[in-house]
Amino acid sequence: YGKQRFEYLKPIAEEEKRVEEAEK
């Protein structure tokens, strides 16, 4: 479950990080 959840959340976190860098 942890592996599946991590794989699900990883792209979301990458997108949030990319948006945050652009805003910064």
PDB file of all heavy atoms in Angstrom:
ATOM      1  N   TYR A   1       0.832  -1.206   0.000  1.00  0.00           N
ATOM      2  CA  TYR A   1       0.000   0.000   0.000  1.00  0.00           C
ATOM      3  C   TYR A   1       0.866   1.256   0.000  1.00  0.00           C
ATOM      4  O   TYR A   1       0.599   2.205  -0.735  1.00  0.00           O
ATOM      5  CB  TYR A   1      -0.928   0.012   1.223  1.00  0.00           C
ATOM      6  CG  TYR A   1      -1.650   1.325   1.379  1.00  0.00           C
ATOM      7  CD1 TYR A   1      -2.740   1.633   0.581  1.00  0.00           C
ATOM      8  CD2 TYR A   1      -1.228   2.279   2.306  1.00  0.00           C
ATOM      9  CE1 TYR A   1      -3.398   2.846   0.696  1.00  0.00           C
ATOM     10  CE2 TYR A   1      -1.868   3.487   2.431  1.00  0.00           C
ATOM     11  CZ  TYR A   1      -2.958   3.763   1.621  1.00  0.00           C
ATOM     12  OH  TYR A   1      -3.591   4.970   1.741  1.00  0.00           O
ATOM     13  N   GLY A   2       1.901   1.261   0.818  1.00  0.00           N
ATOM     14  CA  GLY A   2       2.788   2.415   0.884  1.00  0.00           C
ATOM     15  C   GLY A   2       3.463   2.688  -0.444  1.00  0.00           C
ATOM     16  O   GLY A   2       3.601   3.839  -0.860  1.00  0.00           O
ATOM     17  N   LYS A   3       3.899   1.654  -1.123  1.00  0.00           N
ATOM     18  CA  LYS A   3       4.543   1.811  -2.437  1.00  0.00           C
ATOM     19  C   LYS A   3       3.549   2.386  -3.446  1.00  0.00           C
ATOM     20  O   LYS A   3       3.884   3.303  -4.198  1.00  0.00           O
ATOM     21  CB  LYS A   3       5.070   0.468  -2.917  1.00  0.00           C
ATOM     22  CG  LYS A   3       5.605   0.448  -4.318  1.00  0.00           C
ATOM     23  CD  LYS A   3       7.093   0.609  -4.333  1.00  0.00           C
ATOM     24  CE  LYS A   3       7.669   0.359  -5.695  1.00  0.00           C
ATOM     25  NZ  LYS A   3       7.924   1.544  -6.438  1.00  0.00           N
ATOM     26  N   GLN A   4       2.346   1.849  -3.473  1.00  0.00           N
ATOM     27  CA  GLN A   4       1.328   2.347  -4.407  1.00  0.00           C
ATOM     28  C   GLN A   4       0.972   3.801  -4.093  1.00  0.00           C
ATOM     29  O   GLN A   4       0.830   4.627  -4.997  1.00  0.00           O
ATOM     30  CB  GLN A   4       0.071   1.488  -4.347  1.00  0.00           C
ATOM     31  CG  GLN A   4       0.241   0.126  -4.960  1.00  0.00           C
ATOM     32  CD  GLN A   4      -1.004  -0.733  -4.811  1.00  0.00           C
ATOM     33  OE1 GLN A   4      -1.883  -0.450  -4.009  1.00  0.00           O
ATOM     34  NE2 GLN A   4      -1.070  -1.804  -5.598  1.00  0.00           N
ATOM     35  N   ARG A   5       0.832   4.120  -2.837  1.00  0.00           N
ATOM     36  CA  ARG A   5       0.476   5.483  -2.439  1.00  0.00           C
ATOM     37  C   ARG A   5       1.590   6.460  -2.800  1.00  0.00           C
ATOM     38  O   ARG A   5       1.333   7.561  -3.276  1.00  0.00           O
ATOM     39  CB  ARG A   5       0.204   5.510  -0.927  1.00  0.00           C
ATOM     40  CG  ARG A   5      -0.268   6.824  -0.403  1.00  0.00           C
ATOM     41  CD  ARG A   5      -1.666   7.122  -0.838  1.00  0.00           C
ATOM     42  NE  ARG A   5      -2.085   8.380  -0.239  1.00  0.00           N
ATOM     43  CZ  ARG A   5      -3.114   9.064  -0.629  1.00  0.00           C
ATOM     44  NH1 ARG A   5      -3.869   8.614  -1.612  1.00  0.00           N
ATOM     45  NH2 ARG A   5      -3.424  10.194  -0.063  1.00  0.00           N
ATOM     46  N   PHE A   6       2.840   6.039  -2.590  1.00  0.00           N
ATOM     47  CA  PHE A   6       3.977   6.878  -2.951  1.00  0.00           C
ATOM     48  C   PHE A   6       3.994   7.138  -4.449  1.00  0.00           C
ATOM     49  O   PHE A   6       4.196   8.275  -4.887  1.00  0.00           O
ATOM     50  CB  PHE A   6       5.282   6.203  -2.515  1.00  0.00           C
ATOM     51  CG  PHE A   6       6.497   6.971  -2.911  1.00  0.00           C
ATOM     52  CD1 PHE A   6       6.877   8.099  -2.213  1.00  0.00           C
ATOM     53  CD2 PHE A   6       7.258   6.571  -3.992  1.00  0.00           C
ATOM     54  CE1 PHE A   6       8.002   8.817  -2.584  1.00  0.00           C
ATOM     55  CE2 PHE A   6       8.381   7.281  -4.373  1.00  0.00           C
ATOM     56  CZ  PHE A   6       8.754   8.402  -3.669  1.00  0.00           C
ATOM     57  N   GLU A   7       3.775   6.111  -5.253  1.00  0.00           N
ATOM     58  CA  GLU A   7       3.767   6.273  -6.709  1.00  0.00           C
ATOM     59  C   GLU A   7       2.612   7.164  -7.162  1.00  0.00           C
ATOM     60  O   GLU A   7       2.715   7.863  -8.167  1.00  0.00           O
ATOM     61  CB  GLU A   7       3.688   4.910  -7.409  1.00  0.00           C
ATOM     62  CG  GLU A   7       4.909   4.052  -7.206  1.00  0.00           C
ATOM     63  CD  GLU A   7       6.188   4.691  -7.731  1.00  0.00           C
ATOM     64  OE1 GLU A   7       6.150   5.358  -8.786  1.00  0.00           O
ATOM     65  OE2 GLU A   7       7.238   4.524  -7.084  1.00  0.00           O
ATOM     66  N   TYR A   8       1.505   7.154  -6.426  1.00  0.00           N
ATOM     67  CA  TYR A   8       0.366   8.005  -6.747  1.00  0.00           C
ATOM     68  C   TYR A   8       0.669   9.473  -6.415  1.00  0.00           C
ATOM     69  O   TYR A   8       0.336  10.374  -7.176  1.00  0.00           O
ATOM     70  CB  TYR A   8      -0.870   7.525  -5.971  1.00  0.00           C
ATOM     71  CG  TYR A   8      -2.050   8.459  -6.059  1.00  0.00           C
ATOM     72  CD1 TYR A   8      -2.817   8.519  -7.223  1.00  0.00           C
ATOM     73  CD2 TYR A   8      -2.391   9.278  -4.995  1.00  0.00           C
ATOM     74  CE1 TYR A   8      -3.903   9.383  -7.309  1.00  0.00           C
ATOM     75  CE2 TYR A   8      -3.467  10.139  -5.072  1.00  0.00           C
ATOM     76  CZ  TYR A   8      -4.219  10.187  -6.229  1.00  0.00           C
ATOM     77  OH  TYR A   8      -5.285  11.046  -6.312  1.00  0.00           O
ATOM     78  N   LEU A   9       1.312   9.703  -5.269  1.00  0.00           N
ATOM     79  CA  LEU A   9       1.548  11.071  -4.804  1.00  0.00           C
ATOM     80  C   LEU A   9       2.793  11.711  -5.407  1.00  0.00           C
ATOM     81  O   LEU A   9       2.902  12.945  -5.422  1.00  0.00           O
ATOM     82  CB  LEU A   9       1.671  11.091  -3.278  1.00  0.00           C
ATOM     83  CG  LEU A   9       0.396  10.750  -2.514  1.00  0.00           C
ATOM     84  CD1 LEU A   9       0.686  10.677  -1.028  1.00  0.00           C
ATOM     85  CD2 LEU A   9      -0.697  11.753  -2.802  1.00  0.00           C
ATOM     86  N   LYS A  10       3.714  10.938  -5.908  1.00  0.00           N
ATOM     87  CA  LYS A  10       4.977  11.465  -6.423  1.00  0.00           C
ATOM     88  C   LYS A  10       4.774  12.476  -7.547  1.00  0.00           C
ATOM     89  O   LYS A  10       5.335  13.578  -7.493  1.00  0.00           O
ATOM     90  CB  LYS A  10       5.873  10.318  -6.873  1.00  0.00           C
ATOM     91  CG  LYS A  10       7.256  10.742  -7.258  1.00  0.00           C
ATOM     92  CD  LYS A  10       8.110   9.541  -7.610  1.00  0.00           C
ATOM     93  CE  LYS A  10       9.488   9.960  -8.028  1.00  0.00           C
ATOM     94  NZ  LYS A  10      10.315   8.801  -8.388  1.00  0.00           N
ATOM     95  N   PRO A  11       3.981  12.189  -8.588  1.00  0.00           N
ATOM     96  CA  PRO A  11       3.798  13.185  -9.651  1.00  0.00           C
ATOM     97  C   PRO A  11       3.098  14.451  -9.166  1.00  0.00           C
ATOM     98  O   PRO A  11       3.401  15.554  -9.629  1.00  0.00           O
ATOM     99  CB  PRO A  11       2.953  12.479 -10.710  1.00  0.00           C
ATOM    100  CG  PRO A  11       2.766  11.094 -10.279  1.00  0.00           C
ATOM    101  CD  PRO A  11       3.327  10.936  -8.914  1.00  0.00           C
ATOM    102  N   ILE A  12       2.204  14.310  -8.219  1.00  0.00           N
ATOM    103  CA  ILE A  12       1.506  15.473  -7.673  1.00  0.00           C
ATOM    104  C   ILE A  12       2.503  16.376  -6.950  1.00  0.00           C
ATOM    105  O   ILE A  12       2.487  17.599  -7.123  1.00  0.00           O
ATOM    106  CB  ILE A  12       0.368  15.026  -6.733  1.00  0.00           C
ATOM    107  CG1 ILE A  12      -0.689  14.245  -7.518  1.00  0.00           C
ATOM    108  CG2 ILE A  12      -0.254  16.214  -6.018  1.00  0.00           C
ATOM    109  CD1 ILE A  12      -1.732  13.566  -6.671  1.00  0.00           C
ATOM    110  N   ALA A  13       3.383  15.773  -6.159  1.00  0.00           N
ATOM    111  CA  ALA A  13       4.380  16.548  -5.418  1.00  0.00           C
ATOM    112  C   ALA A  13       5.365  17.212  -6.379  1.00  0.00           C
ATOM    113  O   ALA A  13       5.776  18.358  -6.157  1.00  0.00           O
ATOM    114  CB  ALA A  13       5.121  15.639  -4.442  1.00  0.00           C
ATOM    115  N   GLU A  14       5.742  16.525  -7.451  1.00  0.00           N
ATOM    116  CA  GLU A  14       6.650  17.116  -8.430  1.00  0.00           C
ATOM    117  C   GLU A  14       6.016  18.326  -9.105  1.00  0.00           C
ATOM    118  O   GLU A  14       6.685  19.340  -9.331  1.00  0.00           O
ATOM    119  CB  GLU A  14       7.058  16.077  -9.468  1.00  0.00           C
ATOM    120  CG  GLU A  14       7.992  15.014  -8.933  1.00  0.00           C
ATOM    121  CD  GLU A  14       8.272  13.909  -9.917  1.00  0.00           C
ATOM    122  OE1 GLU A  14       7.607  13.855 -10.985  1.00  0.00           O
ATOM    123  OE2 GLU A  14       9.157  13.085  -9.634  1.00  0.00           O
ATOM    124  N   GLU A  15       4.737  18.227  -9.428  1.00  0.00           N
ATOM    125  CA  GLU A  15       4.033  19.343 -10.050  1.00  0.00           C
ATOM    126  C   GLU A  15       3.950  20.524  -9.083  1.00  0.00           C
ATOM    127  O   GLU A  15       4.169  21.670  -9.479  1.00  0.00           O
ATOM    128  CB  GLU A  15       2.628  18.918 -10.478  1.00  0.00           C
ATOM    129  CG  GLU A  15       1.801  20.017 -11.090  1.00  0.00           C
ATOM    130  CD  GLU A  15       2.345  20.538 -12.406  1.00  0.00           C
ATOM    131  OE1 GLU A  15       3.142  19.849 -13.049  1.00  0.00           O
ATOM    132  OE2 GLU A  15       1.980  21.662 -12.790  1.00  0.00           O
ATOM    133  N   GLU A  16       3.641  20.247  -7.823  1.00  0.00           N
ATOM    134  CA  GLU A  16       3.578  21.318  -6.830  1.00  0.00           C
ATOM    135  C   GLU A  16       4.940  21.979  -6.670  1.00  0.00           C
ATOM    136  O   GLU A  16       5.032  23.200  -6.541  1.00  0.00           O
ATOM    137  CB  GLU A  16       3.109  20.763  -5.484  1.00  0.00           C
ATOM    138  CG  GLU A  16       1.644  20.391  -5.454  1.00  0.00           C
ATOM    139  CD  GLU A  16       1.227  19.757  -4.138  1.00  0.00           C
ATOM    140  OE1 GLU A  16       2.099  19.489  -3.281  1.00  0.00           O
ATOM    141  OE2 GLU A  16       0.025  19.529  -3.967  1.00  0.00           O
ATOM    142  N   LYS A  17       5.987  21.188  -6.688  1.00  0.00           N
ATOM    143  CA  LYS A  17       7.342  21.733  -6.560  1.00  0.00           C
ATOM    144  C   LYS A  17       7.679  22.615  -7.764  1.00  0.00           C
ATOM    145  O   LYS A  17       8.262  23.693  -7.616  1.00  0.00           O
ATOM    146  CB  LYS A  17       8.346  20.593  -6.440  1.00  0.00           C
ATOM    147  CG  LYS A  17       9.757  21.049  -6.198  1.00  0.00           C
ATOM    148  CD  LYS A  17      10.695  19.869  -6.013  1.00  0.00           C
ATOM    149  CE  LYS A  17      12.113  20.341  -5.770  1.00  0.00           C
ATOM    150  NZ  LYS A  17      13.045  19.222  -5.603  1.00  0.00           N
ATOM    151  N   ARG A  18       7.300  22.163  -8.969  1.00  0.00           N
ATOM    152  CA  ARG A  18       7.563  22.935 -10.172  1.00  0.00           C
ATOM    153  C   ARG A  18       6.817  24.269 -10.132  1.00  0.00           C
ATOM    154  O   ARG A  18       7.378  25.326 -10.439  1.00  0.00           O
ATOM    155  CB  ARG A  18       7.145  22.150 -11.419  1.00  0.00           C
ATOM    156  CG  ARG A  18       7.537  22.805 -12.725  1.00  0.00           C
ATOM    157  CD  ARG A  18       6.929  22.094 -13.912  1.00  0.00           C
ATOM    158  NE  ARG A  18       5.474  22.142 -13.923  1.00  0.00           N
ATOM    159  CZ  ARG A  18       4.751  23.214 -14.245  1.00  0.00           C
ATOM    160  NH1 ARG A  18       5.345  24.325 -14.557  1.00  0.00           N
ATOM    161  NH2 ARG A  18       3.439  23.173 -14.242  1.00  0.00           N
ATOM    162  N   VAL A  19       5.566  24.246  -9.711  1.00  0.00           N
ATOM    163  CA  VAL A  19       4.769  25.467  -9.610  1.00  0.00           C
ATOM    164  C   VAL A  19       5.369  26.406  -8.565  1.00  0.00           C
ATOM    165  O   VAL A  19       5.468  27.619  -8.785  1.00  0.00           O
ATOM    166  CB  VAL A  19       3.295  25.125  -9.267  1.00  0.00           C
ATOM    167  CG1 VAL A  19       2.525  26.362  -8.864  1.00  0.00           C
ATOM    168  CG2 VAL A  19       2.636  24.425 -10.440  1.00  0.00           C
ATOM    169  N   GLU A  20       5.785  25.850  -7.433  1.00  0.00           N
ATOM    170  CA  GLU A  20       6.381  26.666  -6.374  1.00  0.00           C
ATOM    171  C   GLU A  20       7.673  27.326  -6.854  1.00  0.00           C
ATOM    172  O   GLU A  20       7.928  28.497  -6.553  1.00  0.00           O
ATOM    173  CB  GLU A  20       6.665  25.800  -5.141  1.00  0.00           C
ATOM    174  CG  GLU A  20       7.257  26.573  -3.982  1.00  0.00           C
ATOM    175  CD  GLU A  20       6.329  27.634  -3.422  1.00  0.00           C
ATOM    176  OE1 GLU A  20       5.103  27.443  -3.461  1.00  0.00           O
ATOM    177  OE2 GLU A  20       6.852  28.657  -2.946  1.00  0.00           O
ATOM    178  N   GLU A  21       8.492  26.602  -7.616  1.00  0.00           N
ATOM    179  CA  GLU A  21       9.720  27.189  -8.142  1.00  0.00           C
ATOM    180  C   GLU A  21       9.411  28.329  -9.111  1.00  0.00           C
ATOM    181  O   GLU A  21      10.086  29.360  -9.096  1.00  0.00           O
ATOM    182  CB  GLU A  21      10.562  26.121  -8.831  1.00  0.00           C
ATOM    183  CG  GLU A  21      11.200  25.140  -7.870  1.00  0.00           C
ATOM    184  CD  GLU A  21      11.913  24.000  -8.570  1.00  0.00           C
ATOM    185  OE1 GLU A  21      11.873  23.937  -9.823  1.00  0.00           O
ATOM    186  OE2 GLU A  21      12.517  23.179  -7.874  1.00  0.00           O
ATOM    187  N   ALA A  22       8.396  28.146  -9.958  1.00  0.00           N
ATOM    188  CA  ALA A  22       8.015  29.202 -10.892  1.00  0.00           C
ATOM    189  C   ALA A  22       7.515  30.435 -10.136  1.00  0.00           C
ATOM    190  O   ALA A  22       7.870  31.568 -10.479  1.00  0.00           O
ATOM    191  CB  ALA A  22       6.939  28.691 -11.851  1.00  0.00           C
ATOM    192  N   GLU A  23       6.709  30.219  -9.101  1.00  0.00           N
ATOM    193  CA  GLU A  23       6.213  31.340  -8.304  1.00  0.00           C
ATOM    194  C   GLU A  23       7.360  32.042  -7.578  1.00  0.00           C
ATOM    195  O   GLU A  23       7.366  33.266  -7.465  1.00  0.00           O
ATOM    196  CB  GLU A  23       5.182  30.849  -7.290  1.00  0.00           C
ATOM    197  CG  GLU A  23       3.872  30.436  -7.921  1.00  0.00           C
ATOM    198  CD  GLU A  23       2.894  29.829  -6.924  1.00  0.00           C
ATOM    199  OE1 GLU A  23       3.292  29.613  -5.748  1.00  0.00           O
ATOM    200  OE2 GLU A  23       1.754  29.571  -7.311  1.00  0.00           O
ATOM    201  N   LYS A  24       8.323  31.264  -7.110  1.00  0.00           N
ATOM    202  CA  LYS A  24       9.470  31.857  -6.416  1.00  0.00           C
ATOM    203  C   LYS A  24      10.281  32.732  -7.373  1.00  0.00           C
ATOM    204  O   LYS A  24      10.697  33.834  -6.999  1.00  0.00           O
ATOM    205  CB  LYS A  24      10.360  30.753  -5.845  1.00  0.00           C
ATOM    206  CG  LYS A  24      11.544  31.278  -5.065  1.00  0.00           C
ATOM    207  CD  LYS A  24      12.384  30.152  -4.505  1.00  0.00           C
ATOM    208  CE  LYS A  24      13.588  30.702  -3.771  1.00  0.00           C
ATOM    209  NZ  LYS A  24      14.469  29.629  -3.294  1.00  0.00           N
TER     210      LYS A  24
END
